[in-house]
Amino acid sequence: MATVRFSDELRSRIRRKASDVFDKRIQKERDNPPKNWAGNIYDLMFKDTKDQMDALPDGYFNTMDDMDLSGFQGKDWDSAINGGVDMPFPGDEVRKVPYDWAENKEAHGVHRAGSYGGFTLNADDPRWDTLKAEYKVFCLKVHKLEQEQAVFIDGVDKVINAYSTLAPALKAWPPLWDLVPSDKQEKHKEIVERRKRGDKPEIEGVNLDDMTAISTMAKLTGGS
């Protein structure tokens, strides 16, 4: 009997679509941190040297045009909360700002600095107390969506692993249809349509409909 079977490839495609249900929402949250963060972090990071740095000629320091925050690190900080946030500096145009560590990250409240401007801040530095509270709320919103995503994908897995074919899985959970790739949807619809027409068996090289018509005509005309 023709049917759409759950191959490993089909299950993988369904899982990807299940993940997509949340991916855009998660990315939207990550892409919308408070607008004042980048500027505030920079001002607090270089609060003791900012004026001197601005006074020196262009090219004296490295520059960055966004703030890539990896999170916090410290004895009282749960690093599992951390999630990367890439933030441009506020302004109508791309704004480049100077930065330099002078081999003294502690003076800037930084735990670790990447070579391309990514920062992990020192959670034990009091200058970040307000930011830590805001960052935790921000990350927990993202993590909540990620947890919901994990639960959803796990549920979808249980459905598609409970059956060997698509039809009974759809009967058990109709919303699965939205996660089925379009080519498999079309194949399933073709199979259902054939069954609606009587689910007649097919024999290669034989047109059973024509044979039925001939048989019926023979009966009507007394040929049988």
N, C-alpha and C. Protein backbone atom coordinates (compact mmCIF):
# COMPACT_ATOMS: atom_id res chain seq x y z
N MET A 1 0.85 -1.20 0.00
CA MET A 1 0.00 0.00 0.00
C MET A 1 0.88 1.25 0.00
N ALA A 2 0.64 2.17 -0.94
CA ALA A 2 1.43 3.39 -1.04
C ALA A 2 1.21 4.26 0.19
N THR A 3 2.32 4.81 0.71
CA THR A 3 2.23 5.68 1.89
C THR A 3 3.52 6.46 2.01
N VAL A 4 3.49 7.55 2.77
CA VAL A 4 4.70 8.33 3.05
C VAL A 4 5.32 7.77 4.32
N ARG A 5 6.50 7.21 4.19
CA ARG A 5 7.17 6.60 5.33
C ARG A 5 8.14 7.60 5.96
N PHE A 6 8.36 7.44 7.25
CA PHE A 6 9.31 8.30 7.97
C PHE A 6 10.73 7.78 7.77
N SER A 7 11.42 8.31 6.79
CA SER A 7 12.84 8.01 6.62
C SER A 7 13.64 8.89 7.58
N ASP A 8 14.91 8.58 7.75
CA ASP A 8 15.77 9.43 8.59
C ASP A 8 15.84 10.84 8.01
N GLU A 9 15.86 10.92 6.69
CA GLU A 9 15.94 12.23 6.04
C GLU A 9 14.68 13.05 6.29
N LEU A 10 13.52 12.42 6.22
CA LEU A 10 12.26 13.14 6.46
C LEU A 10 12.19 13.59 7.92
N ARG A 11 12.55 12.72 8.84
CA ARG A 11 12.55 13.11 10.25
C ARG A 11 13.47 14.30 10.49
N SER A 12 14.64 14.29 9.85
CA SER A 12 15.58 15.39 10.01
C SER A 12 15.00 16.69 9.48
N ARG A 13 14.33 16.64 8.35
CA ARG A 13 13.72 17.85 7.77
C ARG A 13 12.60 18.39 8.66
N ILE A 14 11.83 17.48 9.24
CA ILE A 14 10.76 17.90 10.14
C ILE A 14 11.34 18.56 11.39
N ARG A 15 12.40 17.99 11.92
CA ARG A 15 13.04 18.59 13.10
C ARG A 15 13.55 19.99 12.80
N ARG A 16 14.14 20.18 11.61
CA ARG A 16 14.64 21.51 11.25
C ARG A 16 13.50 22.52 11.20
N LYS A 17 12.36 22.10 10.64
CA LYS A 17 11.21 23.01 10.59
C LYS A 17 10.65 23.27 11.98
N ALA A 18 10.72 22.27 12.84
CA ALA A 18 10.28 22.47 14.23
C ALA A 18 11.17 23.49 14.93
N SER A 19 12.47 23.41 14.65
CA SER A 19 13.40 24.38 15.23
C SER A 19 13.13 25.78 14.68
N ASP A 20 12.79 25.87 13.39
CA ASP A 20 12.53 27.16 12.75
C ASP A 20 11.36 27.90 13.39
N VAL A 21 10.43 27.15 13.98
CA VAL A 21 9.27 27.77 14.63
C VAL A 21 9.73 28.77 15.68
N PHE A 22 10.88 28.48 16.33
CA PHE A 22 11.37 29.34 17.40
C PHE A 22 12.59 30.17 17.00
N ASP A 23 13.32 29.74 15.98
CA ASP A 23 14.59 30.40 15.66
C ASP A 23 14.44 31.90 15.41
N LYS A 24 13.43 32.29 14.65
CA LYS A 24 13.26 33.71 14.33
C LYS A 24 12.89 34.50 15.58
N ARG A 25 12.07 33.91 16.45
CA ARG A 25 11.69 34.60 17.69
C ARG A 25 12.90 34.77 18.59
N ILE A 26 13.73 33.73 18.68
CA ILE A 26 14.93 33.80 19.51
C ILE A 26 15.88 34.85 18.97
N GLN A 27 16.09 34.83 17.64
CA GLN A 27 17.01 35.80 17.05
C GLN A 27 16.50 37.22 17.20
N LYS A 28 15.18 37.40 17.10
CA LYS A 28 14.60 38.74 17.28
C LYS A 28 14.89 39.27 18.68
N GLU A 29 14.78 38.40 19.69
CA GLU A 29 15.10 38.81 21.06
C GLU A 29 16.59 39.18 21.18
N ARG A 30 17.45 38.34 20.61
CA ARG A 30 18.89 38.59 20.69
C ARG A 30 19.29 39.88 19.98
N ASP A 31 18.56 40.21 18.92
CA ASP A 31 18.90 41.39 18.12
C ASP A 31 18.34 42.68 18.69
N ASN A 32 17.63 42.60 19.82
CA ASN A 32 17.01 43.81 20.36
C ASN A 32 17.32 44.02 21.83
N PRO A 33 18.61 44.13 22.17
CA PRO A 33 18.96 44.50 23.54
C PRO A 33 18.63 45.98 23.77
N PRO A 34 18.57 46.44 25.00
CA PRO A 34 18.34 47.87 25.25
C PRO A 34 19.33 48.73 24.45
N LYS A 35 18.82 49.79 23.83
CA LYS A 35 19.63 50.60 22.91
C LYS A 35 20.78 51.32 23.60
N ASN A 36 20.69 51.51 24.91
CA ASN A 36 21.74 52.27 25.59
C ASN A 36 22.91 51.40 26.05
N TRP A 37 22.84 50.10 25.87
CA TRP A 37 23.84 49.22 26.44
C TRP A 37 25.25 49.48 25.90
N ALA A 38 25.40 49.51 24.58
CA ALA A 38 26.75 49.62 24.01
C ALA A 38 27.45 50.88 24.51
N GLY A 39 26.76 52.02 24.42
CA GLY A 39 27.37 53.26 24.87
C GLY A 39 27.66 53.27 26.36
N ASN A 40 26.74 52.76 27.16
CA ASN A 40 26.93 52.73 28.62
C ASN A 40 28.10 51.83 29.01
N ILE A 41 28.18 50.67 28.37
CA ILE A 41 29.29 49.76 28.68
C ILE A 41 30.62 50.41 28.35
N TYR A 42 30.68 51.01 27.16
CA TYR A 42 31.93 51.67 26.76
C TYR A 42 32.30 52.79 27.73
N ASP A 43 31.33 53.64 28.09
CA ASP A 43 31.62 54.77 28.99
C ASP A 43 32.10 54.29 30.35
N LEU A 44 31.51 53.21 30.86
CA LEU A 44 31.93 52.68 32.16
C LEU A 44 33.27 51.94 32.05
N MET A 45 33.47 51.27 30.94
CA MET A 45 34.71 50.52 30.73
C MET A 45 35.92 51.45 30.71
N PHE A 46 35.76 52.60 30.06
CA PHE A 46 36.88 53.54 29.92
C PHE A 46 36.63 54.85 30.65
N LYS A 47 35.91 54.76 31.77
CA LYS A 47 35.51 55.98 32.49
C LYS A 47 36.70 56.81 32.95
N ASP A 48 37.85 56.18 33.21
CA ASP A 48 39.02 56.92 33.71
C ASP A 48 39.96 57.35 32.60
N THR A 49 39.76 56.86 31.39
CA THR A 49 40.72 57.16 30.31
C THR A 49 40.06 57.69 29.04
N LYS A 50 38.74 57.75 29.01
CA LYS A 50 38.02 58.09 27.78
C LYS A 50 38.44 59.45 27.23
N ASP A 51 38.50 60.47 28.08
CA ASP A 51 38.84 61.81 27.60
C ASP A 51 40.23 61.85 26.99
N GLN A 52 41.18 61.18 27.66
CA GLN A 52 42.55 61.16 27.13
C GLN A 52 42.61 60.42 25.80
N MET A 53 41.89 59.34 25.70
CA MET A 53 41.89 58.56 24.45
C MET A 53 41.30 59.38 23.31
N ASP A 54 40.20 60.09 23.58
CA ASP A 54 39.56 60.90 22.54
C ASP A 54 40.47 62.03 22.08
N ALA A 55 41.35 62.49 22.95
CA ALA A 55 42.21 63.63 22.63
C ALA A 55 43.39 63.24 21.73
N LEU A 56 43.72 61.96 21.69
CA LEU A 56 44.85 61.52 20.88
C LEU A 56 44.46 61.38 19.42
N PRO A 57 45.41 61.50 18.49
CA PRO A 57 45.07 61.48 17.06
C PRO A 57 44.53 60.13 16.59
N ASP A 58 43.76 60.18 15.47
CA ASP A 58 43.26 58.95 14.88
C ASP A 58 44.41 58.02 14.53
N GLY A 59 44.17 56.74 14.72
CA GLY A 59 45.20 55.76 14.41
C GLY A 59 46.07 55.41 15.59
N TYR A 60 45.94 56.14 16.68
CA TYR A 60 46.76 55.85 17.86
C TYR A 60 46.29 54.56 18.54
N PHE A 61 44.98 54.35 18.52
CA PHE A 61 44.41 53.16 19.14
C PHE A 61 43.70 52.29 18.09
N ASN A 62 43.47 51.05 18.45
CA ASN A 62 42.53 50.24 17.69
C ASN A 62 41.14 50.85 17.85
N THR A 63 40.25 50.55 16.90
CA THR A 63 38.88 51.05 17.01
C THR A 63 37.89 49.90 16.85
N MET A 64 36.70 50.11 17.36
CA MET A 64 35.61 49.14 17.18
C MET A 64 34.34 49.91 16.88
N ASP A 65 33.45 49.28 16.09
CA ASP A 65 32.19 49.96 15.74
C ASP A 65 30.98 49.26 16.35
N ASP A 66 31.22 48.23 17.16
CA ASP A 66 30.13 47.62 17.90
C ASP A 66 30.66 47.00 19.18
N MET A 67 29.75 46.67 20.06
CA MET A 67 30.10 46.08 21.35
C MET A 67 29.61 44.63 21.35
N ASP A 68 30.55 43.71 21.33
CA ASP A 68 30.23 42.28 21.32
C ASP A 68 30.37 41.76 22.74
N LEU A 69 29.24 41.67 23.43
CA LEU A 69 29.24 41.26 24.84
C LEU A 69 28.96 39.78 24.95
N SER A 70 29.91 39.04 25.52
CA SER A 70 29.73 37.60 25.73
C SER A 70 29.04 37.29 27.04
N GLY A 71 29.05 38.25 27.97
CA GLY A 71 28.43 38.03 29.26
C GLY A 71 29.35 38.42 30.40
N PHE A 72 29.18 37.75 31.53
CA PHE A 72 29.96 38.06 32.73
C PHE A 72 30.66 36.81 33.25
N GLN A 73 31.71 37.05 34.00
CA GLN A 73 32.42 35.97 34.66
C GLN A 73 32.81 36.45 36.05
N GLY A 74 32.50 35.65 37.05
CA GLY A 74 32.85 36.02 38.42
C GLY A 74 32.36 34.97 39.39
N LYS A 75 32.80 35.07 40.63
CA LYS A 75 32.51 34.01 41.59
C LYS A 75 31.04 33.87 41.91
N ASP A 76 30.27 34.95 41.82
CA ASP A 76 28.85 34.89 42.15
C ASP A 76 27.95 34.90 40.92
N TRP A 77 28.54 34.73 39.74
CA TRP A 77 27.74 34.82 38.51
C TRP A 77 27.56 33.43 37.91
N ASP A 78 26.32 33.12 37.55
CA ASP A 78 26.02 31.85 36.90
C ASP A 78 26.31 32.00 35.41
N SER A 79 27.42 31.40 34.96
CA SER A 79 27.84 31.58 33.56
C SER A 79 26.86 30.95 32.57
N ALA A 80 25.97 30.07 33.07
CA ALA A 80 24.98 29.47 32.18
C ALA A 80 23.99 30.51 31.66
N ILE A 81 23.89 31.64 32.34
CA ILE A 81 23.00 32.72 31.91
C ILE A 81 23.53 33.40 30.66
N ASN A 82 24.85 33.40 30.49
CA ASN A 82 25.47 34.17 29.42
C ASN A 82 24.97 33.81 28.03
N GLY A 83 24.86 34.82 27.19
CA GLY A 83 24.53 34.64 25.79
C GLY A 83 25.06 35.83 25.01
N GLY A 84 25.68 35.59 23.88
CA GLY A 84 26.32 36.66 23.12
C GLY A 84 25.34 37.70 22.61
N VAL A 85 25.74 38.97 22.72
CA VAL A 85 24.93 40.08 22.22
C VAL A 85 25.84 41.03 21.46
N ASP A 86 25.54 41.27 20.21
CA ASP A 86 26.35 42.16 19.38
C ASP A 86 25.57 43.45 19.16
N MET A 87 26.14 44.58 19.66
CA MET A 87 25.38 45.85 19.67
C MET A 87 26.17 46.97 19.00
N PRO A 88 25.59 47.65 18.01
CA PRO A 88 26.26 48.82 17.44
C PRO A 88 26.20 49.99 18.43
N PHE A 89 27.15 50.88 18.31
CA PHE A 89 27.09 52.08 19.14
C PHE A 89 26.01 53.00 18.61
N PRO A 90 25.28 53.68 19.50
CA PRO A 90 24.16 54.50 19.06
C PRO A 90 24.60 55.67 18.19
N GLY A 91 23.78 55.98 17.20
CA GLY A 91 24.08 57.09 16.30
C GLY A 91 23.48 56.83 14.94
N ASP A 92 23.34 57.88 14.13
CA ASP A 92 22.75 57.75 12.81
C ASP A 92 23.71 57.09 11.82
N GLU A 93 25.01 57.19 12.07
CA GLU A 93 26.01 56.60 11.20
C GLU A 93 26.86 55.62 12.00
N VAL A 94 27.60 54.78 11.29
CA VAL A 94 28.50 53.85 11.96
C VAL A 94 29.51 54.65 12.77
N ARG A 95 29.61 54.33 14.03
CA ARG A 95 30.47 55.09 14.94
C ARG A 95 31.61 54.20 15.41
N LYS A 96 32.84 54.63 15.15
CA LYS A 96 34.02 53.90 15.59
C LYS A 96 34.57 54.56 16.85
N VAL A 97 34.88 53.77 17.85
CA VAL A 97 35.43 54.31 19.09
C VAL A 97 36.78 53.66 19.38
N PRO A 98 37.68 54.39 19.99
CA PRO A 98 39.00 53.82 20.29
C PRO A 98 38.96 52.93 21.53
N TYR A 99 39.83 51.93 21.55
CA TYR A 99 39.95 51.12 22.75
C TYR A 99 41.38 50.59 22.86
N ASP A 100 41.79 50.41 24.09
CA ASP A 100 43.11 49.85 24.35
C ASP A 100 43.13 49.35 25.79
N TRP A 101 43.83 48.25 26.03
CA TRP A 101 43.81 47.66 27.36
C TRP A 101 45.02 48.00 28.21
N ALA A 102 46.09 48.43 27.57
CA ALA A 102 47.33 48.74 28.31
C ALA A 102 47.69 47.61 29.26
N GLU A 103 47.34 46.36 28.82
CA GLU A 103 47.65 45.16 29.61
C GLU A 103 47.01 45.19 31.01
N ASN A 104 45.94 45.96 31.16
CA ASN A 104 45.32 46.07 32.48
C ASN A 104 43.80 46.00 32.33
N LYS A 105 43.31 44.79 32.15
CA LYS A 105 41.86 44.63 31.95
C LYS A 105 41.08 44.94 33.22
N GLU A 106 41.67 44.68 34.37
CA GLU A 106 40.96 44.92 35.64
C GLU A 106 40.54 46.37 35.78
N ALA A 107 41.37 47.28 35.30
CA ALA A 107 41.05 48.70 35.42
C ALA A 107 39.82 49.07 34.60
N HIS A 108 39.48 48.22 33.63
CA HIS A 108 38.32 48.49 32.77
C HIS A 108 37.13 47.62 33.11
N GLY A 109 37.24 46.83 34.17
CA GLY A 109 36.13 45.97 34.57
C GLY A 109 35.93 44.79 33.65
N VAL A 110 37.00 44.40 32.96
CA VAL A 110 36.91 43.34 31.96
C VAL A 110 37.57 42.06 32.50
N HIS A 111 36.88 40.94 32.33
CA HIS A 111 37.45 39.66 32.71
C HIS A 111 38.28 39.08 31.57
N ARG A 112 37.74 39.18 30.35
CA ARG A 112 38.45 38.66 29.18
C ARG A 112 38.09 39.50 27.97
N ALA A 113 39.07 39.75 27.11
CA ALA A 113 38.84 40.51 25.89
C ALA A 113 39.34 39.70 24.70
N GLY A 114 38.48 39.54 23.69
CA GLY A 114 38.89 38.84 22.48
C GLY A 114 39.65 39.77 21.56
N SER A 115 40.38 39.19 20.62
CA SER A 115 41.20 40.00 19.72
C SER A 115 40.37 40.82 18.75
N TYR A 116 39.08 40.47 18.59
CA TYR A 116 38.22 41.21 17.68
C TYR A 116 37.16 42.04 18.42
N GLY A 117 37.41 42.36 19.66
CA GLY A 117 36.51 43.26 20.38
C GLY A 117 35.39 42.59 21.13
N GLY A 118 35.46 41.29 21.35
CA GLY A 118 34.46 40.61 22.16
C GLY A 118 34.85 40.66 23.62
N PHE A 119 33.89 40.92 24.50
CA PHE A 119 34.21 41.15 25.91
C PHE A 119 33.40 40.24 26.83
N THR A 120 34.08 39.74 27.85
CA THR A 120 33.41 39.14 29.00
C THR A 120 33.74 40.05 30.17
N LEU A 121 32.72 40.57 30.82
CA LEU A 121 32.93 41.56 31.88
C LEU A 121 33.11 40.89 33.23
N ASN A 122 33.79 41.59 34.10
CA ASN A 122 34.06 41.10 35.45
C ASN A 122 32.82 41.29 36.32
N ALA A 123 32.16 40.19 36.65
CA ALA A 123 30.91 40.28 37.41
C ALA A 123 31.12 40.79 38.82
N ASP A 124 32.36 40.79 39.30
CA ASP A 124 32.64 41.24 40.66
C ASP A 124 32.94 42.73 40.74
N ASP A 125 32.98 43.39 39.58
CA ASP A 125 33.23 44.84 39.55
C ASP A 125 31.91 45.58 39.75
N PRO A 126 31.80 46.41 40.79
CA PRO A 126 30.52 47.06 41.11
C PRO A 126 29.99 47.99 40.03
N ARG A 127 30.86 48.42 39.11
CA ARG A 127 30.37 49.34 38.07
C ARG A 127 29.30 48.68 37.20
N TRP A 128 29.28 47.34 37.19
CA TRP A 128 28.35 46.63 36.32
C TRP A 128 27.08 46.18 37.03
N ASP A 129 26.85 46.61 38.26
CA ASP A 129 25.72 46.09 39.03
C ASP A 129 24.38 46.31 38.32
N THR A 130 24.15 47.50 37.80
CA THR A 130 22.88 47.77 37.10
C THR A 130 22.79 46.97 35.81
N LEU A 131 23.89 46.94 35.07
CA LEU A 131 23.91 46.20 33.81
C LEU A 131 23.67 44.71 34.03
N LYS A 132 24.27 44.16 35.08
CA LYS A 132 24.09 42.72 35.36
C LYS A 132 22.62 42.37 35.54
N ALA A 133 21.90 43.20 36.27
CA ALA A 133 20.48 42.93 36.50
C ALA A 133 19.71 42.99 35.18
N GLU A 134 20.01 44.00 34.33
CA GLU A 134 19.32 44.13 33.04
C GLU A 134 19.70 42.98 32.10
N TYR A 135 20.97 42.63 32.11
CA TYR A 135 21.46 41.57 31.23
C TYR A 135 20.85 40.22 31.61
N LYS A 136 20.70 39.99 32.89
CA LYS A 136 20.11 38.73 33.35
C LYS A 136 18.66 38.61 32.87
N VAL A 137 17.89 39.68 32.99
CA VAL A 137 16.50 39.67 32.52
C VAL A 137 16.46 39.40 31.01
N PHE A 138 17.36 40.08 30.29
CA PHE A 138 17.42 39.93 28.83
C PHE A 138 17.73 38.47 28.45
N CYS A 139 18.76 37.90 29.08
CA CYS A 139 19.18 36.54 28.74
C CYS A 139 18.14 35.50 29.15
N LEU A 140 17.48 35.73 30.27
CA LEU A 140 16.49 34.76 30.72
C LEU A 140 15.29 34.72 29.77
N LYS A 141 14.96 35.84 29.15
CA LYS A 141 13.89 35.85 28.14
C LYS A 141 14.29 34.98 26.95
N VAL A 142 15.56 35.12 26.53
CA VAL A 142 16.05 34.30 25.42
C VAL A 142 16.09 32.83 25.82
N HIS A 143 16.61 32.55 27.02
CA HIS A 143 16.72 31.17 27.49
C HIS A 143 15.34 30.52 27.62
N LYS A 144 14.35 31.31 28.02
CA LYS A 144 12.99 30.76 28.14
C LYS A 144 12.50 30.27 26.78
N LEU A 145 12.74 31.06 25.75
CA LEU A 145 12.35 30.65 24.41
C LEU A 145 13.13 29.41 23.96
N GLU A 146 14.41 29.36 24.30
CA GLU A 146 15.23 28.21 23.94
C GLU A 146 14.75 26.94 24.63
N GLN A 147 14.31 27.09 25.88
CA GLN A 147 13.78 25.93 26.61
C GLN A 147 12.45 25.47 26.00
N GLU A 148 11.60 26.44 25.63
CA GLU A 148 10.34 26.09 24.98
C GLU A 148 10.61 25.39 23.65
N GLN A 149 11.63 25.87 22.94
CA GLN A 149 12.02 25.25 21.67
C GLN A 149 12.45 23.80 21.88
N ALA A 150 13.26 23.57 22.91
CA ALA A 150 13.75 22.22 23.19
C ALA A 150 12.60 21.28 23.53
N VAL A 151 11.64 21.76 24.32
CA VAL A 151 10.47 20.94 24.68
C VAL A 151 9.64 20.63 23.44
N PHE A 152 9.46 21.63 22.58
CA PHE A 152 8.66 21.46 21.36
C PHE A 152 9.31 20.43 20.43
N ILE A 153 10.62 20.56 20.22
CA ILE A 153 11.33 19.63 19.33
C ILE A 153 11.28 18.22 19.91
N ASP A 154 11.42 18.10 21.23
CA ASP A 154 11.35 16.78 21.86
C ASP A 154 9.97 16.15 21.65
N GLY A 155 8.92 16.96 21.76
CA GLY A 155 7.57 16.46 21.53
C GLY A 155 7.36 16.01 20.09
N VAL A 156 7.88 16.81 19.15
CA VAL A 156 7.78 16.44 17.74
C VAL A 156 8.52 15.13 17.49
N ASP A 157 9.70 15.00 18.09
CA ASP A 157 10.47 13.76 17.95
C ASP A 157 9.66 12.55 18.41
N LYS A 158 8.99 12.71 19.54
CA LYS A 158 8.21 11.58 20.08
C LYS A 158 7.09 11.19 19.12
N VAL A 159 6.47 12.18 18.48
CA VAL A 159 5.38 11.89 17.54
C VAL A 159 5.92 11.16 16.32
N ILE A 160 6.98 11.69 15.70
CA ILE A 160 7.46 11.11 14.44
C ILE A 160 8.21 9.81 14.66
N ASN A 161 8.64 9.55 15.90
CA ASN A 161 9.29 8.27 16.19
C ASN A 161 8.30 7.20 16.64
N ALA A 162 7.08 7.63 16.95
CA ALA A 162 6.07 6.67 17.42
C ALA A 162 5.42 5.92 16.25
N TYR A 163 5.58 6.45 15.03
CA TYR A 163 4.95 5.85 13.86
C TYR A 163 5.97 5.65 12.75
N SER A 164 5.72 4.68 11.93
CA SER A 164 6.62 4.43 10.79
C SER A 164 6.18 5.18 9.55
N THR A 165 4.91 5.63 9.53
CA THR A 165 4.39 6.35 8.37
C THR A 165 3.71 7.65 8.81
N LEU A 166 3.52 8.53 7.84
CA LEU A 166 3.02 9.88 8.13
C LEU A 166 1.54 9.91 8.53
N ALA A 167 0.72 9.13 7.85
CA ALA A 167 -0.74 9.24 8.04
C ALA A 167 -1.18 9.07 9.49
N PRO A 168 -0.77 8.02 10.20
CA PRO A 168 -1.23 7.89 11.60
C PRO A 168 -0.65 8.97 12.51
N ALA A 169 0.55 9.47 12.17
CA ALA A 169 1.14 10.55 12.97
C ALA A 169 0.31 11.82 12.84
N LEU A 170 -0.18 12.08 11.62
CA LEU A 170 -1.03 13.25 11.39
C LEU A 170 -2.37 13.10 12.10
N LYS A 171 -2.86 11.87 12.14
CA LYS A 171 -4.12 11.62 12.84
C LYS A 171 -3.95 11.86 14.34
N ALA A 172 -2.78 11.47 14.88
CA ALA A 172 -2.51 11.66 16.31
C ALA A 172 -2.30 13.13 16.64
N TRP A 173 -1.61 13.86 15.73
CA TRP A 173 -1.31 15.28 16.00
C TRP A 173 -1.37 16.06 14.68
N PRO A 174 -2.56 16.55 14.30
CA PRO A 174 -2.73 17.23 13.01
C PRO A 174 -1.78 18.40 12.75
N PRO A 175 -1.36 19.21 13.78
CA PRO A 175 -0.44 20.32 13.49
C PRO A 175 0.90 19.88 12.91
N LEU A 176 1.20 18.57 12.96
CA LEU A 176 2.43 18.08 12.35
C LEU A 176 2.48 18.45 10.87
N TRP A 177 1.31 18.59 10.27
CA TRP A 177 1.23 18.90 8.83
C TRP A 177 2.06 20.12 8.48
N ASP A 178 2.07 21.14 9.32
CA ASP A 178 2.79 22.38 9.03
C ASP A 178 4.30 22.19 9.05
N LEU A 179 4.76 21.09 9.62
CA LEU A 179 6.20 20.83 9.70
C LEU A 179 6.67 19.86 8.61
N VAL A 180 5.73 19.31 7.87
CA VAL A 180 6.07 18.35 6.82
C VAL A 180 6.52 19.13 5.58
N PRO A 181 7.66 18.78 4.99
CA PRO A 181 8.12 19.48 3.77
C PRO A 181 7.08 19.41 2.66
N SER A 182 7.07 20.43 1.81
CA SER A 182 6.02 20.55 0.80
C SER A 182 5.98 19.36 -0.17
N ASP A 183 7.15 18.80 -0.52
CA ASP A 183 7.14 17.68 -1.45
C ASP A 183 6.46 16.45 -0.83
N LYS A 184 6.67 16.27 0.49
CA LYS A 184 6.02 15.14 1.17
C LYS A 184 4.53 15.42 1.39
N GLN A 185 4.18 16.69 1.58
CA GLN A 185 2.76 17.03 1.67
C GLN A 185 2.04 16.67 0.36
N GLU A 186 2.67 17.01 -0.77
CA GLU A 186 2.06 16.72 -2.06
C GLU A 186 1.91 15.21 -2.27
N LYS A 187 2.94 14.46 -1.88
CA LYS A 187 2.86 13.01 -2.03
C LYS A 187 1.75 12.43 -1.17
N HIS A 188 1.65 12.95 0.07
CA HIS A 188 0.60 12.47 0.97
C HIS A 188 -0.78 12.79 0.40
N LYS A 189 -0.95 13.99 -0.14
CA LYS A 189 -2.25 14.37 -0.70
C LYS A 189 -2.62 13.51 -1.91
N GLU A 190 -1.61 13.17 -2.72
CA GLU A 190 -1.88 12.30 -3.87
C GLU A 190 -2.35 10.93 -3.41
N ILE A 191 -1.71 10.40 -2.37
CA ILE A 191 -2.09 9.09 -1.85
C ILE A 191 -3.51 9.12 -1.28
N VAL A 192 -3.82 10.15 -0.51
CA VAL A 192 -5.15 10.29 0.07
C VAL A 192 -6.20 10.40 -1.02
N GLU A 193 -5.89 11.16 -2.09
CA GLU A 193 -6.83 11.33 -3.18
C GLU A 193 -7.10 10.01 -3.89
N ARG A 194 -6.03 9.24 -4.08
CA ARG A 194 -6.21 7.93 -4.71
C ARG A 194 -7.11 7.03 -3.86
N ARG A 195 -6.91 7.10 -2.55
CA ARG A 195 -7.73 6.27 -1.66
C ARG A 195 -9.18 6.71 -1.67
N LYS A 196 -9.40 8.01 -1.83
CA LYS A 196 -10.76 8.51 -1.91
C LYS A 196 -11.46 8.00 -3.17
N ARG A 197 -10.67 7.73 -4.19
CA ARG A 197 -11.24 7.22 -5.43
C ARG A 197 -11.48 5.72 -5.35
N GLY A 198 -11.28 5.14 -4.20
CA GLY A 198 -11.57 3.72 -4.02
C GLY A 198 -10.38 2.89 -3.65
N ASP A 199 -9.22 3.52 -3.62
CA ASP A 199 -8.01 2.82 -3.24
C ASP A 199 -7.85 1.55 -4.08
N LYS A 200 -8.05 1.70 -5.38
CA LYS A 200 -7.98 0.55 -6.27
C LYS A 200 -6.52 0.11 -6.43
N PRO A 201 -6.28 -1.18 -6.46
CA PRO A 201 -4.92 -1.65 -6.70
C PRO A 201 -4.49 -1.34 -8.12
N GLU A 202 -3.22 -1.17 -8.32
CA GLU A 202 -2.69 -0.90 -9.65
C GLU A 202 -1.88 -2.10 -10.11
N ILE A 203 -2.14 -2.52 -11.37
CA ILE A 203 -1.39 -3.62 -11.98
C ILE A 203 -0.72 -3.06 -13.22
N GLU A 204 0.59 -3.16 -13.26
CA GLU A 204 1.33 -2.56 -14.35
C GLU A 204 0.86 -3.10 -15.71
N GLY A 205 0.58 -2.17 -16.63
CA GLY A 205 0.17 -2.54 -17.98
C GLY A 205 -1.31 -2.84 -18.13
N VAL A 206 -2.08 -2.70 -17.07
CA VAL A 206 -3.51 -3.01 -17.13
C VAL A 206 -4.30 -1.81 -16.65
N ASN A 207 -5.27 -1.36 -17.47
CA ASN A 207 -6.16 -0.27 -17.09
C ASN A 207 -7.44 -0.89 -16.55
N LEU A 208 -7.53 -0.99 -15.23
CA LEU A 208 -8.67 -1.66 -14.61
C LEU A 208 -9.97 -0.91 -14.85
N ASP A 209 -9.92 0.42 -14.95
CA ASP A 209 -11.14 1.19 -15.21
C ASP A 209 -11.71 0.83 -16.58
N ASP A 210 -10.83 0.74 -17.59
CA ASP A 210 -11.30 0.37 -18.92
C ASP A 210 -11.89 -1.04 -18.94
N MET A 211 -11.24 -1.95 -18.22
CA MET A 211 -11.73 -3.32 -18.16
C MET A 211 -13.11 -3.38 -17.51
N THR A 212 -13.30 -2.56 -16.47
CA THR A 212 -14.60 -2.52 -15.79
C THR A 212 -15.68 -1.99 -16.73
N ALA A 213 -15.32 -0.96 -17.49
CA ALA A 213 -16.28 -0.39 -18.44
C ALA A 213 -16.69 -1.42 -19.48
N ILE A 214 -15.70 -2.19 -19.99
CA ILE A 214 -16.01 -3.21 -21.00
C ILE A 214 -16.91 -4.29 -20.42
N SER A 215 -16.59 -4.70 -19.19
CA SER A 215 -17.39 -5.74 -18.53
C SER A 215 -18.82 -5.29 -18.31
N THR A 216 -18.96 -4.02 -17.87
CA THR A 216 -20.29 -3.47 -17.63
C THR A 216 -21.09 -3.40 -18.93
N MET A 217 -20.46 -2.95 -20.00
CA MET A 217 -21.15 -2.83 -21.29
C MET A 217 -21.59 -4.19 -21.80
N ALA A 218 -20.75 -5.22 -21.56
CA ALA A 218 -21.10 -6.56 -22.01
C ALA A 218 -22.35 -7.05 -21.31
N LYS A 219 -22.46 -6.74 -20.03
CA LYS A 219 -23.65 -7.15 -19.28
C LYS A 219 -24.89 -6.46 -19.79
N LEU A 220 -24.75 -5.16 -20.10
CA LEU A 220 -25.91 -4.38 -20.55
C LEU A 220 -26.38 -4.84 -21.93
N THR A 221 -25.47 -5.30 -22.73
CA THR A 221 -25.82 -5.68 -24.10
C THR A 221 -26.04 -7.17 -24.27
N GLY A 222 -25.99 -7.87 -23.13
CA GLY A 222 -26.28 -9.29 -23.17
C GLY A 222 -25.12 -10.12 -23.61
N GLY A 223 -23.94 -9.56 -23.59
CA GLY A 223 -22.78 -10.31 -24.03
C GLY A 223 -22.23 -11.20 -22.95
N SER A 224 -22.83 -11.18 -21.74
CA SER A 224 -22.31 -12.02 -20.67
C SER A 224 -23.48 -12.59 -19.89
